[in-house]
PDB file of all heavy atoms in Angstrom:
ATOM      1  N   ASN A   1       4.142   0.244  -8.738  1.00  0.00           N
ATOM      2  CA  ASN A   1       3.497  -0.936  -8.206  1.00  0.00           C
ATOM      3  C   ASN A   1       3.934  -1.304  -6.900  1.00  0.00           C
ATOM      4  O   ASN A   1       5.168  -1.398  -6.616  1.00  0.00           O
ATOM      5  CB  ASN A   1       3.872  -2.169  -9.135  1.00  0.00           C
ATOM      6  CG  ASN A   1       3.284  -1.899 -10.568  1.00  0.00           C
ATOM      7  OD1 ASN A   1       2.291  -2.441 -10.887  1.00  0.00           O
ATOM      8  ND2 ASN A   1       4.052  -1.207 -11.502  1.00  0.00           N
ATOM      9  N   ILE A   2       3.074  -1.549  -5.943  1.00  0.00           N
ATOM     10  CA  ILE A   2       3.446  -1.897  -4.557  1.00  0.00           C
ATOM     11  C   ILE A   2       3.882  -3.389  -4.560  1.00  0.00           C
ATOM     12  O   ILE A   2       3.180  -4.143  -5.050  1.00  0.00           O
ATOM     13  CB  ILE A   2       2.277  -1.695  -3.558  1.00  0.00           C
ATOM     14  CG1 ILE A   2       1.879  -0.270  -3.420  1.00  0.00           C
ATOM     15  CG2 ILE A   2       2.551  -2.245  -2.226  1.00  0.00           C
ATOM     16  CD1 ILE A   2       0.600   0.005  -2.543  1.00  0.00           C
ATOM     17  N   THR A   3       5.098  -3.523  -4.089  1.00  0.00           N
ATOM     18  CA  THR A   3       5.674  -4.971  -4.008  1.00  0.00           C
ATOM     19  C   THR A   3       5.722  -5.470  -2.645  1.00  0.00           C
ATOM     20  O   THR A   3       5.930  -6.725  -2.480  1.00  0.00           O
ATOM     21  CB  THR A   3       7.133  -4.890  -4.668  1.00  0.00           C
ATOM     22  OG1 THR A   3       7.901  -4.067  -3.827  1.00  0.00           O
ATOM     23  CG2 THR A   3       7.092  -4.547  -6.095  1.00  0.00           C
ATOM     24  N   SER A   4       5.540  -4.673  -1.699  1.00  0.00           N
ATOM     25  CA  SER A   4       5.548  -5.109  -0.304  1.00  0.00           C
ATOM     26  C   SER A   4       4.859  -4.063   0.627  1.00  0.00           C
ATOM     27  O   SER A   4       4.951  -2.847   0.399  1.00  0.00           O
ATOM     28  CB  SER A   4       7.063  -5.316   0.254  1.00  0.00           C
ATOM     29  OG  SER A   4       7.019  -5.612   1.589  1.00  0.00           O
ATOM     30  N   VAL A   5       4.133  -4.541   1.643  1.00  0.00           N
ATOM     31  CA  VAL A   5       3.466  -3.652   2.590  1.00  0.00           C
ATOM     32  C   VAL A   5       3.936  -4.094   3.986  1.00  0.00           C
ATOM     33  O   VAL A   5       3.937  -5.268   4.318  1.00  0.00           O
ATOM     34  CB  VAL A   5       1.938  -3.781   2.498  1.00  0.00           C
ATOM     35  CG1 VAL A   5       1.236  -2.933   3.505  1.00  0.00           C
ATOM     36  CG2 VAL A   5       1.388  -3.453   1.140  1.00  0.00           C
ATOM     37  N   VAL A   6       4.523  -3.074   4.659  1.00  0.00           N
ATOM     38  CA  VAL A   6       5.049  -3.448   6.042  1.00  0.00           C
ATOM     39  C   VAL A   6       3.904  -3.951   6.911  1.00  0.00           C
ATOM     40  O   VAL A   6       2.835  -3.298   7.039  1.00  0.00           O
ATOM     41  CB  VAL A   6       5.628  -2.177   6.678  1.00  0.00           C
ATOM     42  CG1 VAL A   6       6.066  -2.424   8.149  1.00  0.00           C
ATOM     43  CG2 VAL A   6       6.870  -1.681   5.895  1.00  0.00           C
ATOM     44  N   PRO A   7       3.960  -5.157   7.431  1.00  0.00           N
ATOM     45  CA  PRO A   7       2.888  -5.687   8.284  1.00  0.00           C
ATOM     46  C   PRO A   7       2.536  -4.726   9.488  1.00  0.00           C
ATOM     47  O   PRO A   7       3.577  -4.255  10.186  1.00  0.00           O
ATOM     48  CB  PRO A   7       3.423  -7.017   8.869  1.00  0.00           C
ATOM     49  CG  PRO A   7       4.567  -7.321   7.828  1.00  0.00           C
ATOM     50  CD  PRO A   7       5.078  -5.994   7.394  1.00  0.00           C
ATOM     51  N   ASP A   8       1.321  -4.440   9.750  1.00  0.00           N
ATOM     52  CA  ASP A   8       0.907  -3.584  10.847  1.00  0.00           C
ATOM     53  C   ASP A   8       1.373  -2.135  10.662  1.00  0.00           C
ATOM     54  O   ASP A   8       1.196  -1.356  11.496  1.00  0.00           O
ATOM     55  CB  ASP A   8       1.298  -4.160  12.128  1.00  0.00           C
ATOM     56  CG  ASP A   8       0.781  -5.583  12.492  1.00  0.00           C
ATOM     57  OD1 ASP A   8      -0.343  -5.828  12.162  1.00  0.00           O
ATOM     58  OD2 ASP A   8       1.461  -6.343  12.967  1.00  0.00           O
ATOM     59  N   GLY A   9       1.882  -1.790   9.548  1.00  0.00           N
ATOM     60  CA  GLY A   9       2.261  -0.433   9.211  1.00  0.00           C
ATOM     61  C   GLY A   9       1.119   0.425   8.775  1.00  0.00           C
ATOM     62  O   GLY A   9      -0.066  -0.138   8.561  1.00  0.00           O
ATOM     63  N   PRO A  10       1.300   1.675   8.532  1.00  0.00           N
ATOM     64  CA  PRO A  10       0.268   2.614   8.079  1.00  0.00           C
ATOM     65  C   PRO A  10      -0.527   2.103   6.893  1.00  0.00           C
ATOM     66  O   PRO A  10      -1.771   2.237   6.819  1.00  0.00           O
ATOM     67  CB  PRO A  10       0.963   3.979   7.839  1.00  0.00           C
ATOM     68  CG  PRO A  10       2.248   3.881   8.675  1.00  0.00           C
ATOM     69  CD  PRO A  10       2.592   2.384   8.690  1.00  0.00           C
ATOM     70  N   SER A  11       0.178   1.731   5.856  1.00  0.00           N
ATOM     71  CA  SER A  11      -0.530   1.300   4.620  1.00  0.00           C
ATOM     72  C   SER A  11      -1.326   0.011   4.846  1.00  0.00           C
ATOM     73  O   SER A  11      -2.445  -0.095   4.317  1.00  0.00           O
ATOM     74  CB  SER A  11       0.464   1.041   3.460  1.00  0.00           C
ATOM     75  OG  SER A  11       1.023   2.329   3.036  1.00  0.00           O
ATOM     76  N   ALA A  12      -0.759  -0.920   5.548  1.00  0.00           N
ATOM     77  CA  ALA A  12      -1.502  -2.192   5.941  1.00  0.00           C
ATOM     78  C   ALA A  12      -2.779  -1.816   6.673  1.00  0.00           C
ATOM     79  O   ALA A  12      -3.863  -2.341   6.329  1.00  0.00           O
ATOM     80  CB  ALA A  12      -0.730  -3.135   6.689  1.00  0.00           C
ATOM     81  N   THR A  13      -2.663  -0.925   7.669  1.00  0.00           N
ATOM     82  CA  THR A  13      -3.811  -0.499   8.451  1.00  0.00           C
ATOM     83  C   THR A  13      -4.916   0.155   7.616  1.00  0.00           C
ATOM     84  O   THR A  13      -6.112  -0.040   7.747  1.00  0.00           O
ATOM     85  CB  THR A  13      -3.407   0.442   9.506  1.00  0.00           C
ATOM     86  OG1 THR A  13      -2.423  -0.245  10.338  1.00  0.00           O
ATOM     87  CG2 THR A  13      -4.567   0.926  10.395  1.00  0.00           C
ATOM     88  N   ALA A  14      -4.473   0.907   6.564  1.00  0.00           N
ATOM     89  CA  ALA A  14      -5.392   1.578   5.663  1.00  0.00           C
ATOM     90  C   ALA A  14      -5.988   0.708   4.639  1.00  0.00           C
ATOM     91  O   ALA A  14      -6.950   1.041   4.010  1.00  0.00           O
ATOM     92  CB  ALA A  14      -4.651   2.803   5.019  1.00  0.00           C
ATOM     93  N   GLY A  15      -5.385  -0.553   4.421  1.00  0.00           N
ATOM     94  CA  GLY A  15      -5.918  -1.471   3.533  1.00  0.00           C
ATOM     95  C   GLY A  15      -5.269  -1.591   2.184  1.00  0.00           C
ATOM     96  O   GLY A  15      -5.799  -2.211   1.142  1.00  0.00           O
ATOM     97  N   LEU A  16      -4.121  -0.963   1.966  1.00  0.00           N
ATOM     98  CA  LEU A  16      -3.318  -1.137   0.778  1.00  0.00           C
ATOM     99  C   LEU A  16      -2.854  -2.562   0.640  1.00  0.00           C
ATOM    100  O   LEU A  16      -2.566  -3.180   1.732  1.00  0.00           O
ATOM    101  CB  LEU A  16      -2.156  -0.167   0.685  1.00  0.00           C
ATOM    102  CG  LEU A  16      -2.612   1.292   0.448  1.00  0.00           C
ATOM    103  CD1 LEU A  16      -1.514   2.262   0.646  1.00  0.00           C
ATOM    104  CD2 LEU A  16      -3.212   1.425  -0.937  1.00  0.00           C
ATOM    105  N   ARG A  17      -2.612  -3.033  -0.566  1.00  0.00           N
ATOM    106  CA  ARG A  17      -2.211  -4.352  -0.792  1.00  0.00           C
ATOM    107  C   ARG A  17      -1.058  -4.420  -1.849  1.00  0.00           C
ATOM    108  O   ARG A  17      -0.963  -3.546  -2.645  1.00  0.00           O
ATOM    109  CB  ARG A  17      -3.352  -5.279  -1.380  1.00  0.00           C
ATOM    110  CG  ARG A  17      -4.523  -5.356  -0.438  1.00  0.00           C
ATOM    111  CD  ARG A  17      -5.540  -6.255  -1.077  1.00  0.00           C
ATOM    112  NE  ARG A  17      -6.786  -6.236  -0.359  1.00  0.00           N
ATOM    113  CZ  ARG A  17      -8.026  -6.628  -0.889  1.00  0.00           C
ATOM    114  NH1 ARG A  17      -8.006  -7.227  -2.074  1.00  0.00           N
ATOM    115  NH2 ARG A  17      -9.016  -6.641  -0.135  1.00  0.00           N
ATOM    116  N   ILE A  18      -0.348  -5.529  -1.761  1.00  0.00           N
ATOM    117  CA  ILE A  18       0.718  -5.807  -2.849  1.00  0.00           C
ATOM    118  C   ILE A  18      -0.023  -5.858  -4.172  1.00  0.00           C
ATOM    119  O   ILE A  18      -1.189  -6.499  -4.280  1.00  0.00           O
ATOM    120  CB  ILE A  18       1.335  -7.162  -2.587  1.00  0.00           C
ATOM    121  CG1 ILE A  18       2.188  -7.027  -1.288  1.00  0.00           C
ATOM    122  CG2 ILE A  18       2.239  -7.629  -3.743  1.00  0.00           C
ATOM    123  CD1 ILE A  18       2.864  -8.384  -0.807  1.00  0.00           C
ATOM    124  N   GLY A  19       0.473  -5.219  -5.239  1.00  0.00           N
ATOM    125  CA  GLY A  19      -0.170  -5.245  -6.501  1.00  0.00           C
ATOM    126  C   GLY A  19      -0.879  -3.923  -6.785  1.00  0.00           C
ATOM    127  O   GLY A  19      -1.159  -3.692  -7.961  1.00  0.00           O
ATOM    128  N   ASP A  20      -1.299  -3.148  -5.789  1.00  0.00           N
ATOM    129  CA  ASP A  20      -1.970  -1.932  -6.076  1.00  0.00           C
ATOM    130  C   ASP A  20      -0.955  -0.973  -6.792  1.00  0.00           C
ATOM    131  O   ASP A  20       0.205  -1.032  -6.650  1.00  0.00           O
ATOM    132  CB  ASP A  20      -2.282  -1.191  -4.696  1.00  0.00           C
ATOM    133  CG  ASP A  20      -3.503  -1.882  -3.939  1.00  0.00           C
ATOM    134  OD1 ASP A  20      -4.133  -2.779  -4.590  1.00  0.00           O
ATOM    135  OD2 ASP A  20      -3.698  -1.652  -2.814  1.00  0.00           O
ATOM    136  N   LYS A  21      -1.600  -0.153  -7.656  1.00  0.00           N
ATOM    137  CA  LYS A  21      -0.834   0.714  -8.495  1.00  0.00           C
ATOM    138  C   LYS A  21      -1.193   2.193  -8.131  1.00  0.00           C
ATOM    139  O   LYS A  21      -2.427   2.537  -8.196  1.00  0.00           O
ATOM    140  CB  LYS A  21      -1.051   0.478 -10.012  1.00  0.00           C
ATOM    141  CG  LYS A  21      -0.623  -0.872 -10.455  1.00  0.00           C
ATOM    142  CD  LYS A  21      -1.098  -1.228 -11.828  1.00  0.00           C
ATOM    143  CE  LYS A  21      -0.692  -2.542 -12.333  1.00  0.00           C
ATOM    144  NZ  LYS A  21      -0.691  -3.675 -11.418  1.00  0.00           N
ATOM    145  N   PHE A  22      -0.201   2.973  -7.847  1.00  0.00           N
ATOM    146  CA  PHE A  22      -0.494   4.446  -7.514  1.00  0.00           C
ATOM    147  C   PHE A  22      -0.859   5.206  -8.840  1.00  0.00           C
ATOM    148  O   PHE A  22      -0.147   5.112  -9.802  1.00  0.00           O
ATOM    149  CB  PHE A  22       0.670   5.064  -6.956  1.00  0.00           C
ATOM    150  CG  PHE A  22       1.087   4.617  -5.447  1.00  0.00           C
ATOM    151  CD1 PHE A  22       2.417   4.421  -5.114  1.00  0.00           C
ATOM    152  CD2 PHE A  22       0.099   4.371  -4.631  1.00  0.00           C
ATOM    153  CE1 PHE A  22       2.693   4.065  -3.845  1.00  0.00           C
ATOM    154  CE2 PHE A  22       0.398   3.954  -3.255  1.00  0.00           C
ATOM    155  CZ  PHE A  22       1.735   3.800  -2.909  1.00  0.00           C
ATOM    156  N   ILE A  23      -1.969   5.935  -8.655  1.00  0.00           N
ATOM    157  CA  ILE A  23      -2.337   6.774  -9.767  1.00  0.00           C
ATOM    158  C   ILE A  23      -2.077   8.245  -9.444  1.00  0.00           C
ATOM    159  O   ILE A  23      -1.525   9.040 -10.204  1.00  0.00           O
ATOM    160  CB  ILE A  23      -3.919   6.601 -10.138  1.00  0.00           C
ATOM    161  CG1 ILE A  23      -4.192   5.147 -10.438  1.00  0.00           C
ATOM    162  CG2 ILE A  23      -4.280   7.555 -11.220  1.00  0.00           C
ATOM    163  CD1 ILE A  23      -3.362   4.520 -11.618  1.00  0.00           C
ATOM    164  N   ARG A  24      -2.483   8.613  -8.203  1.00  0.00           N
ATOM    165  CA  ARG A  24      -2.293   9.995  -7.678  1.00  0.00           C
ATOM    166  C   ARG A  24      -1.768   9.881  -6.218  1.00  0.00           C
ATOM    167  O   ARG A  24      -2.180   9.025  -5.474  1.00  0.00           O
ATOM    168  CB  ARG A  24      -3.553  10.840  -7.706  1.00  0.00           C
ATOM    169  CG  ARG A  24      -4.009  11.116  -9.131  1.00  0.00           C
ATOM    170  CD  ARG A  24      -5.359  11.969  -9.154  1.00  0.00           C
ATOM    171  NE  ARG A  24      -4.974  13.408  -8.949  1.00  0.00           N
ATOM    172  CZ  ARG A  24      -4.373  14.171  -9.800  1.00  0.00           C
ATOM    173  NH1 ARG A  24      -4.092  13.664 -11.046  1.00  0.00           N
ATOM    174  NH2 ARG A  24      -4.125  15.434  -9.640  1.00  0.00           N
ATOM    175  N   VAL A  25      -0.904  10.847  -5.835  1.00  0.00           N
ATOM    176  CA  VAL A  25      -0.552  10.997  -4.500  1.00  0.00           C
ATOM    177  C   VAL A  25      -0.813  12.434  -4.079  1.00  0.00           C
ATOM    178  O   VAL A  25      -0.278  13.299  -4.692  1.00  0.00           O
ATOM    179  CB  VAL A  25       0.997  10.699  -4.184  1.00  0.00           C
ATOM    180  CG1 VAL A  25       1.412  10.976  -2.757  1.00  0.00           C
ATOM    181  CG2 VAL A  25       1.310   9.313  -4.548  1.00  0.00           C
ATOM    182  N   ASN A  26      -1.789  12.525  -3.077  1.00  0.00           N
ATOM    183  CA  ASN A  26      -2.392  13.932  -2.791  1.00  0.00           C
ATOM    184  C   ASN A  26      -2.858  14.452  -4.138  1.00  0.00           C
ATOM    185  O   ASN A  26      -3.737  13.705  -4.724  1.00  0.00           O
ATOM    186  CB  ASN A  26      -1.339  14.797  -2.094  1.00  0.00           C
ATOM    187  CG  ASN A  26      -1.051  14.250  -0.687  1.00  0.00           C
ATOM    188  OD1 ASN A  26      -1.955  13.808   0.013  1.00  0.00           O
ATOM    189  ND2 ASN A  26       0.127  14.428  -0.349  1.00  0.00           N
TER     190      ASN A  26
END
C-alpha cells in the first residue's frame, strides 16, 4: 500500500496516489 508519494517525484508525475496498491511490478 502506498503511504506517501514524494511531491514532484517520478510517481507523482506519473499519477500514483496514496492508497494505491501494487499488484504487479514489471
